[in-house]
Amino acid sequence: MSGQVTIPQDIRRRLGIESGSEVDFVVDGDAVRLVRCVEGKGKDPVEHMRGRCLSMTTDEIMALTRSEA
Protein backbone atom coordinates (compact mmCIF):
# COMPACT_ATOMS: atom_id res chain seq x y z
CA MET A 1 0.00 0.00 0.00
CA SER A 2 1.23 3.49 -0.66
CA GLY A 3 0.24 6.83 0.73
CA GLN A 4 1.51 10.24 1.57
CA VAL A 5 2.94 11.62 4.78
CA THR A 6 4.30 15.02 5.70
CA ILE A 7 7.86 14.84 6.99
CA PRO A 8 9.24 17.96 8.70
CA GLN A 9 11.71 19.90 6.56
CA ASP A 10 14.66 19.55 8.96
CA ILE A 11 14.29 15.75 8.97
CA ARG A 12 14.00 15.66 5.16
CA ARG A 13 17.20 17.67 4.85
CA ARG A 14 19.10 15.44 7.30
CA LEU A 15 18.03 12.26 5.48
CA GLY A 16 18.29 13.64 1.96
CA ILE A 17 14.60 13.06 1.28
CA GLU A 18 13.08 15.04 -1.57
CA SER A 19 9.50 15.37 -2.78
CA GLY A 20 8.42 12.01 -4.22
CA SER A 21 11.12 10.03 -2.42
CA GLU A 22 10.17 6.59 -1.14
CA VAL A 23 10.51 5.76 2.52
CA ASP A 24 9.74 2.70 4.61
CA PHE A 25 8.31 2.61 8.09
CA VAL A 26 9.85 -0.02 10.34
CA VAL A 27 7.99 -1.00 13.52
CA ASP A 28 10.48 -1.24 16.39
CA GLY A 29 8.67 -2.21 19.59
CA ASP A 30 6.35 0.67 20.46
CA ALA A 31 8.10 3.03 18.05
CA VAL A 32 8.22 3.43 14.28
CA ARG A 33 11.43 4.28 12.41
CA LEU A 34 11.44 6.14 9.10
CA VAL A 35 13.97 4.68 6.65
CA ARG A 36 14.91 6.32 3.36
CA CYS A 37 14.76 3.92 0.41
CA VAL A 38 17.93 4.04 -1.68
CA GLU A 39 17.36 3.36 -5.37
CA GLY A 40 19.67 1.10 -7.32
CA LYS A 41 21.39 -0.49 -4.33
CA GLY A 42 20.40 -4.08 -5.18
CA LYS A 43 17.20 -4.08 -3.16
CA ASP A 44 15.50 -7.46 -3.42
CA PRO A 45 12.29 -6.79 -5.40
CA VAL A 46 10.44 -9.69 -3.76
CA GLU A 47 11.34 -8.48 -0.26
CA HIS A 48 10.38 -4.93 -1.27
CA MET A 49 6.90 -6.07 -2.32
CA ARG A 50 6.33 -8.54 0.55
CA GLY A 51 3.05 -7.71 2.28
CA ARG A 52 2.21 -4.83 -0.04
CA CYS A 53 0.21 -6.40 -2.85
CA LEU A 54 -2.19 -9.17 -2.07
CA SER A 55 -3.72 -10.58 1.05
CA MET A 56 -4.66 -13.82 -0.70
CA THR A 57 -3.51 -17.35 -0.12
CA THR A 58 -1.65 -19.27 -2.80
CA ASP A 59 -4.74 -21.45 -3.34
CA GLU A 60 -6.90 -18.34 -3.88
CA ILE A 61 -4.43 -16.93 -6.40
CA MET A 62 -4.25 -20.27 -8.24
CA ALA A 63 -8.05 -20.45 -8.36
CA LEU A 64 -8.15 -16.96 -9.92
CA THR A 65 -5.59 -17.89 -12.56
CA ARG A 66 -7.59 -20.99 -13.41
CA SER A 67 -10.94 -19.17 -13.43
CA GLU A 68 -12.18 -21.32 -10.54
CA ALA A 69 -13.08 -18.38 -8.33
PDB file of N, CA and C in Angstrom:
ATOM      1  N   MET A   1       0.829  -1.167   0.000  1.00  0.00           N
ATOM      2  CA  MET A   1       0.000   0.000   0.000  1.00  0.00           C
ATOM      3  C   MET A   1       0.876   1.233   0.000  1.00  0.00           C
ATOM      4  N   SER A   2       0.453   2.256  -0.679  1.00  0.00           N
ATOM      5  CA  SER A   2       1.226   3.489  -0.661  1.00  0.00           C
ATOM      6  C   SER A   2       0.326   4.624  -0.205  1.00  0.00           C
ATOM      7  N   GLY A   3       0.963   5.661   0.261  1.00  0.00           N
ATOM      8  CA  GLY A   3       0.237   6.826   0.730  1.00  0.00           C
ATOM      9  C   GLY A   3       1.179   7.995   0.833  1.00  0.00           C
ATOM     10  N   GLN A   4       0.700   9.059   1.421  1.00  0.00           N
ATOM     11  CA  GLN A   4       1.515  10.243   1.570  1.00  0.00           C
ATOM     12  C   GLN A   4       1.593  10.627   3.036  1.00  0.00           C
ATOM     13  N   VAL A   5       2.754  11.085   3.430  1.00  0.00           N
ATOM     14  CA  VAL A   5       2.939  11.621   4.779  1.00  0.00           C
ATOM     15  C   VAL A   5       3.709  12.928   4.658  1.00  0.00           C
ATOM     16  N   THR A   6       3.551  13.775   5.652  1.00  0.00           N
ATOM     17  CA  THR A   6       4.302  15.016   5.704  1.00  0.00           C
ATOM     18  C   THR A   6       5.454  14.824   6.673  1.00  0.00           C
ATOM     19  N   ILE A   7       6.658  14.994   6.181  1.00  0.00           N
ATOM     20  CA  ILE A   7       7.862  14.837   6.990  1.00  0.00           C
ATOM     21  C   ILE A   7       8.446  16.232   7.194  1.00  0.00           C
ATOM     22  N   PRO A   8       8.703  16.612   8.447  1.00  0.00           N
ATOM     23  CA  PRO A   8       9.237  17.957   8.699  1.00  0.00           C
ATOM     24  C   PRO A   8      10.499  18.247   7.881  1.00  0.00           C
ATOM     25  N   GLN A   9      10.633  19.491   7.459  1.00  0.00           N
ATOM     26  CA  GLN A   9      11.709  19.898   6.565  1.00  0.00           C
ATOM     27  C   GLN A   9      13.092  19.585   7.116  1.00  0.00           C
ATOM     28  N   ASP A  10      13.332  19.804   8.415  1.00  0.00           N
ATOM     29  CA  ASP A  10      14.662  19.552   8.965  1.00  0.00           C
ATOM     30  C   ASP A  10      15.021  18.071   8.892  1.00  0.00           C
ATOM     31  N   ILE A  11      14.035  17.195   9.072  1.00  0.00           N
ATOM     32  CA  ILE A  11      14.286  15.752   8.970  1.00  0.00           C
ATOM     33  C   ILE A  11      14.553  15.369   7.522  1.00  0.00           C
ATOM     34  N   ARG A  12      13.762  15.936   6.583  1.00  0.00           N
ATOM     35  CA  ARG A  12      13.997  15.659   5.159  1.00  0.00           C
ATOM     36  C   ARG A  12      15.399  16.058   4.748  1.00  0.00           C
ATOM     37  N   ARG A  13      15.853  17.201   5.199  1.00  0.00           N
ATOM     38  CA  ARG A  13      17.201  17.666   4.852  1.00  0.00           C
ATOM     39  C   ARG A  13      18.267  16.729   5.414  1.00  0.00           C
ATOM     40  N   ARG A  14      18.108  16.314   6.672  1.00  0.00           N
ATOM     41  CA  ARG A  14      19.102  15.437   7.302  1.00  0.00           C
ATOM     42  C   ARG A  14      19.200  14.090   6.601  1.00  0.00           C
ATOM     43  N   LEU A  15      18.048  13.582   6.118  1.00  0.00           N
ATOM     44  CA  LEU A  15      18.026  12.264   5.481  1.00  0.00           C
ATOM     45  C   LEU A  15      18.171  12.328   3.960  1.00  0.00           C
ATOM     46  N   GLY A  16      18.177  13.516   3.408  1.00  0.00           N
ATOM     47  CA  GLY A  16      18.286  13.644   1.957  1.00  0.00           C
ATOM     48  C   GLY A  16      17.024  13.205   1.242  1.00  0.00           C
ATOM     49  N   ILE A  17      15.883  13.443   1.866  1.00  0.00           N
ATOM     50  CA  ILE A  17      14.599  13.059   1.279  1.00  0.00           C
ATOM     51  C   ILE A  17      14.033  14.251   0.519  1.00  0.00           C
ATOM     52  N   GLU A  18      13.672  14.012  -0.740  1.00  0.00           N
ATOM     53  CA  GLU A  18      13.080  15.043  -1.573  1.00  0.00           C
ATOM     54  C   GLU A  18      11.634  14.690  -1.856  1.00  0.00           C
ATOM     55  N   SER A  19      10.889  15.615  -2.414  1.00  0.00           N
ATOM     56  CA  SER A  19       9.503  15.369  -2.779  1.00  0.00           C
ATOM     57  C   SER A  19       9.431  14.152  -3.707  1.00  0.00           C
ATOM     58  N   GLY A  20       8.569  13.210  -3.404  1.00  0.00           N
ATOM     59  CA  GLY A  20       8.415  12.010  -4.217  1.00  0.00           C
ATOM     60  C   GLY A  20       9.330  10.872  -3.826  1.00  0.00           C
ATOM     61  N   SER A  21      10.231  11.102  -2.862  1.00  0.00           N
ATOM     62  CA  SER A  21      11.123  10.032  -2.418  1.00  0.00           C
ATOM     63  C   SER A  21      10.312   8.932  -1.731  1.00  0.00           C
ATOM     64  N   GLU A  22      10.815   7.705  -1.829  1.00  0.00           N
ATOM     65  CA  GLU A  22      10.167   6.594  -1.143  1.00  0.00           C
ATOM     66  C   GLU A  22      10.841   6.355   0.189  1.00  0.00           C
ATOM     67  N   VAL A  23      10.018   6.083   1.196  1.00  0.00           N
ATOM     68  CA  VAL A  23      10.513   5.760   2.524  1.00  0.00           C
ATOM     69  C   VAL A  23       9.775   4.524   3.020  1.00  0.00           C
ATOM     70  N   ASP A  24      10.382   3.827   3.941  1.00  0.00           N
ATOM     71  CA  ASP A  24       9.736   2.703   4.606  1.00  0.00           C
ATOM     72  C   ASP A  24       9.563   3.050   6.067  1.00  0.00           C
ATOM     73  N   PHE A  25       8.538   2.467   6.675  1.00  0.00           N
ATOM     74  CA  PHE A  25       8.309   2.609   8.095  1.00  0.00           C
ATOM     75  C   PHE A  25       8.569   1.248   8.726  1.00  0.00           C
ATOM     76  N   VAL A  26       9.461   1.224   9.694  1.00  0.00           N
ATOM     77  CA  VAL A  26       9.849  -0.018  10.343  1.00  0.00           C
ATOM     78  C   VAL A  26       9.361   0.024  11.788  1.00  0.00           C
ATOM     79  N   VAL A  27       8.490  -0.926  12.155  1.00  0.00           N
ATOM     80  CA  VAL A  27       7.987  -0.998  13.522  1.00  0.00           C
ATOM     81  C   VAL A  27       9.084  -1.579  14.401  1.00  0.00           C
ATOM     82  N   ASP A  28       9.400  -0.868  15.475  1.00  0.00           N
ATOM     83  CA  ASP A  28      10.476  -1.243  16.388  1.00  0.00           C
ATOM     84  C   ASP A  28       9.927  -1.153  17.809  1.00  0.00           C
ATOM     85  N   GLY A  29       9.312  -2.240  18.273  1.00  0.00           N
ATOM     86  CA  GLY A  29       8.670  -2.214  19.590  1.00  0.00           C
ATOM     87  C   GLY A  29       7.457  -1.311  19.548  1.00  0.00           C
ATOM     88  N   ASP A  30       7.457  -0.293  20.420  1.00  0.00           N
ATOM     89  CA  ASP A  30       6.353   0.670  20.457  1.00  0.00           C
ATOM     90  C   ASP A  30       6.627   1.905  19.605  1.00  0.00           C
ATOM     91  N   ALA A  31       7.725   1.877  18.871  1.00  0.00           N
ATOM     92  CA  ALA A  31       8.103   3.028  18.048  1.00  0.00           C
ATOM     93  C   ALA A  31       8.112   2.630  16.570  1.00  0.00           C
ATOM     94  N   VAL A  32       8.131   3.640  15.722  1.00  0.00           N
ATOM     95  CA  VAL A  32       8.223   3.427  14.278  1.00  0.00           C
ATOM     96  C   VAL A  32       9.405   4.245  13.776  1.00  0.00           C
ATOM     97  N   ARG A  33      10.278   3.594  12.996  1.00  0.00           N
ATOM     98  CA  ARG A  33      11.427   4.280  12.406  1.00  0.00           C
ATOM     99  C   ARG A  33      11.147   4.568  10.943  1.00  0.00           C
ATOM    100  N   LEU A  34      11.543   5.740  10.499  1.00  0.00           N
ATOM    101  CA  LEU A  34      11.440   6.143   9.104  1.00  0.00           C
ATOM    102  C   LEU A  34      12.772   5.839   8.441  1.00  0.00           C
ATOM    103  N   VAL A  35      12.751   5.073   7.328  1.00  0.00           N
ATOM    104  CA  VAL A  35      13.974   4.681   6.652  1.00  0.00           C
ATOM    105  C   VAL A  35      13.877   5.112   5.197  1.00  0.00           C
ATOM    106  N   ARG A  36      14.883   5.860   4.752  1.00  0.00           N
ATOM    107  CA  ARG A  36      14.908   6.321   3.360  1.00  0.00           C
ATOM    108  C   ARG A  36      15.244   5.144   2.455  1.00  0.00           C
ATOM    109  N   CYS A  37      14.484   4.956   1.382  1.00  0.00           N
ATOM    110  CA  CYS A  37      14.764   3.916   0.406  1.00  0.00           C
ATOM    111  C   CYS A  37      15.823   4.444  -0.551  1.00  0.00           C
ATOM    112  N   VAL A  38      16.848   3.650  -0.768  1.00  0.00           N
ATOM    113  CA  VAL A  38      17.926   4.036  -1.676  1.00  0.00           C
ATOM    114  C   VAL A  38      17.740   3.264  -2.973  1.00  0.00           C
ATOM    115  N   GLU A  39      17.572   3.992  -4.066  1.00  0.00           N
ATOM    116  CA  GLU A  39      17.362   3.361  -5.369  1.00  0.00           C
ATOM    117  C   GLU A  39      18.655   2.779  -5.900  1.00  0.00           C
ATOM    118  N   GLY A  40      18.536   1.671  -6.621  1.00  0.00           N
ATOM    119  CA  GLY A  40      19.669   1.105  -7.324  1.00  0.00           C
ATOM    120  C   GLY A  40      20.724   0.463  -6.444  1.00  0.00           C
ATOM    121  N   LYS A  41      20.410   0.114  -5.225  1.00  0.00           N
ATOM    122  CA  LYS A  41      21.395  -0.488  -4.333  1.00  0.00           C
ATOM    123  C   LYS A  41      21.170  -1.992  -4.186  1.00  0.00           C
ATOM    124  N   GLY A  42      20.577  -2.635  -5.207  1.00  0.00           N
ATOM    125  CA  GLY A  42      20.397  -4.081  -5.185  1.00  0.00           C
ATOM    126  C   GLY A  42      19.285  -4.546  -4.267  1.00  0.00           C
ATOM    127  N   LYS A  43      18.313  -3.708  -4.023  1.00  0.00           N
ATOM    128  CA  LYS A  43      17.200  -4.078  -3.161  1.00  0.00           C
ATOM    129  C   LYS A  43      16.468  -5.266  -3.770  1.00  0.00           C
ATOM    130  N   ASP A  44      16.199  -6.267  -2.967  1.00  0.00           N
ATOM    131  CA  ASP A  44      15.496  -7.462  -3.421  1.00  0.00           C
ATOM    132  C   ASP A  44      14.051  -7.083  -3.749  1.00  0.00           C
ATOM    133  N   PRO A  45      13.637  -7.205  -5.022  1.00  0.00           N
ATOM    134  CA  PRO A  45      12.285  -6.788  -5.397  1.00  0.00           C
ATOM    135  C   PRO A  45      11.190  -7.599  -4.709  1.00  0.00           C
ATOM    136  N   VAL A  46      11.446  -8.869  -4.444  1.00  0.00           N
ATOM    137  CA  VAL A  46      10.442  -9.686  -3.762  1.00  0.00           C
ATOM    138  C   VAL A  46      10.284  -9.200  -2.328  1.00  0.00           C
ATOM    139  N   GLU A  47      11.396  -8.971  -1.646  1.00  0.00           N
ATOM    140  CA  GLU A  47      11.337  -8.482  -0.264  1.00  0.00           C
ATOM    141  C   GLU A  47      10.686  -7.102  -0.219  1.00  0.00           C
ATOM    142  N   HIS A  48      10.970  -6.264  -1.208  1.00  0.00           N
ATOM    143  CA  HIS A  48      10.383  -4.929  -1.273  1.00  0.00           C
ATOM    144  C   HIS A  48       8.858  -4.993  -1.377  1.00  0.00           C
ATOM    145  N   MET A  49       8.338  -5.967  -2.104  1.00  0.00           N
ATOM    146  CA  MET A  49       6.897  -6.074  -2.317  1.00  0.00           C
ATOM    147  C   MET A  49       6.183  -6.914  -1.265  1.00  0.00           C
ATOM    148  N   ARG A  50       6.927  -7.644  -0.445  1.00  0.00           N
ATOM    149  CA  ARG A  50       6.330  -8.540   0.546  1.00  0.00           C
ATOM    150  C   ARG A  50       5.332  -7.782   1.422  1.00  0.00           C
ATOM    151  N   GLY A  51       4.092  -8.297   1.453  1.00  0.00           N
ATOM    152  CA  GLY A  51       3.054  -7.714   2.283  1.00  0.00           C
ATOM    153  C   GLY A  51       2.401  -6.472   1.711  1.00  0.00           C
ATOM    154  N   ARG A  52       2.747  -6.063   0.520  1.00  0.00           N
ATOM    155  CA  ARG A  52       2.206  -4.834  -0.040  1.00  0.00           C
ATOM    156  C   ARG A  52       1.116  -5.056  -1.079  1.00  0.00           C
ATOM    157  N   CYS A  53       1.089  -6.225  -1.685  1.00  0.00           N
ATOM    158  CA  CYS A  53       0.213  -6.397  -2.852  1.00  0.00           C
ATOM    159  C   CYS A  53      -1.092  -7.112  -2.531  1.00  0.00           C
ATOM    160  N   LEU A  54      -0.995  -8.363  -2.226  1.00  0.00           N
ATOM    161  CA  LEU A  54      -2.186  -9.173  -2.068  1.00  0.00           C
ATOM    162  C   LEU A  54      -2.287  -9.750  -0.674  1.00  0.00           C
ATOM    163  N   SER A  55      -3.504  -9.889  -0.224  1.00  0.00           N
ATOM    164  CA  SER A  55      -3.723 -10.576   1.046  1.00  0.00           C
ATOM    165  C   SER A  55      -4.486 -11.870   0.751  1.00  0.00           C
ATOM    166  N   MET A  56      -4.017 -12.583  -0.275  1.00  0.00           N
ATOM    167  CA  MET A  56      -4.665 -13.817  -0.704  1.00  0.00           C
ATOM    168  C   MET A  56      -3.721 -14.989  -0.462  1.00  0.00           C
ATOM    169  N   THR A  57      -4.320 -16.150  -0.260  1.00  0.00           N
ATOM    170  CA  THR A  57      -3.512 -17.351  -0.117  1.00  0.00           C
ATOM    171  C   THR A  57      -3.076 -17.826  -1.504  1.00  0.00           C
ATOM    172  N   THR A  58      -2.108 -18.701  -1.532  1.00  0.00           N
ATOM    173  CA  THR A  58      -1.652 -19.269  -2.803  1.00  0.00           C
ATOM    174  C   THR A  58      -2.792 -19.988  -3.501  1.00  0.00           C
ATOM    175  N   ASP A  59      -3.608 -20.744  -2.745  1.00  0.00           N
ATOM    176  CA  ASP A  59      -4.744 -21.453  -3.345  1.00  0.00           C
ATOM    177  C   ASP A  59      -5.741 -20.479  -3.975  1.00  0.00           C
ATOM    178  N   GLU A  60      -5.977 -19.333  -3.317  1.00  0.00           N
ATOM    179  CA  GLU A  60      -6.902 -18.340  -3.876  1.00  0.00           C
ATOM    180  C   GLU A  60      -6.342 -17.745  -5.164  1.00  0.00           C
ATOM    181  N   ILE A  61      -5.058 -17.479  -5.192  1.00  0.00           N
ATOM    182  CA  ILE A  61      -4.426 -16.929  -6.402  1.00  0.00           C
ATOM    183  C   ILE A  61      -4.489 -17.960  -7.522  1.00  0.00           C
ATOM    184  N   MET A  62      -4.194 -19.223  -7.215  1.00  0.00           N
ATOM    185  CA  MET A  62      -4.245 -20.273  -8.238  1.00  0.00           C
ATOM    186  C   MET A  62      -5.664 -20.426  -8.787  1.00  0.00           C
ATOM    187  N   ALA A  63      -6.664 -20.342  -7.915  1.00  0.00           N
ATOM    188  CA  ALA A  63      -8.048 -20.452  -8.363  1.00  0.00           C
ATOM    189  C   ALA A  63      -8.391 -19.306  -9.322  1.00  0.00           C
ATOM    190  N   LEU A  64      -7.908 -18.097  -9.027  1.00  0.00           N
ATOM    191  CA  LEU A  64      -8.154 -16.964  -9.919  1.00  0.00           C
ATOM    192  C   LEU A  64      -7.503 -17.166 -11.281  1.00  0.00           C
ATOM    193  N   THR A  65      -6.285 -17.690 -11.287  1.00  0.00           N
ATOM    194  CA  THR A  65      -5.588 -17.888 -12.560  1.00  0.00           C
ATOM    195  C   THR A  65      -6.200 -19.004 -13.374  1.00  0.00           C
ATOM    196  N   ARG A  66      -6.931 -19.873 -12.719  1.00  0.00           N
ATOM    197  CA  ARG A  66      -7.589 -20.990 -13.409  1.00  0.00           C
ATOM    198  C   ARG A  66      -9.075 -20.750 -13.591  1.00  0.00           C
ATOM    199  N   SER A  67      -9.521 -19.552 -13.293  1.00  0.00           N
ATOM    200  CA  SER A  67     -10.945 -19.170 -13.426  1.00  0.00           C
ATOM    201  C   SER A  67     -11.845 -20.067 -12.589  1.00  0.00           C
ATOM    202  N   GLU A  68     -11.377 -20.482 -11.436  1.00  0.00           N
ATOM    203  CA  GLU A  68     -12.178 -21.323 -10.544  1.00  0.00           C
ATOM    204  C   GLU A  68     -12.825 -20.500  -9.436  1.00  0.00           C
ATOM    205  N   ALA A  69     -12.577 -19.227  -9.414  1.00  0.00           N
ATOM    206  CA  ALA A  69     -13.085 -18.377  -8.329  1.00  0.00           C
ATOM    207  C   ALA A  69     -14.517 -17.982  -8.572  1.00  0.00           C
TER     208      ALA A  69
END
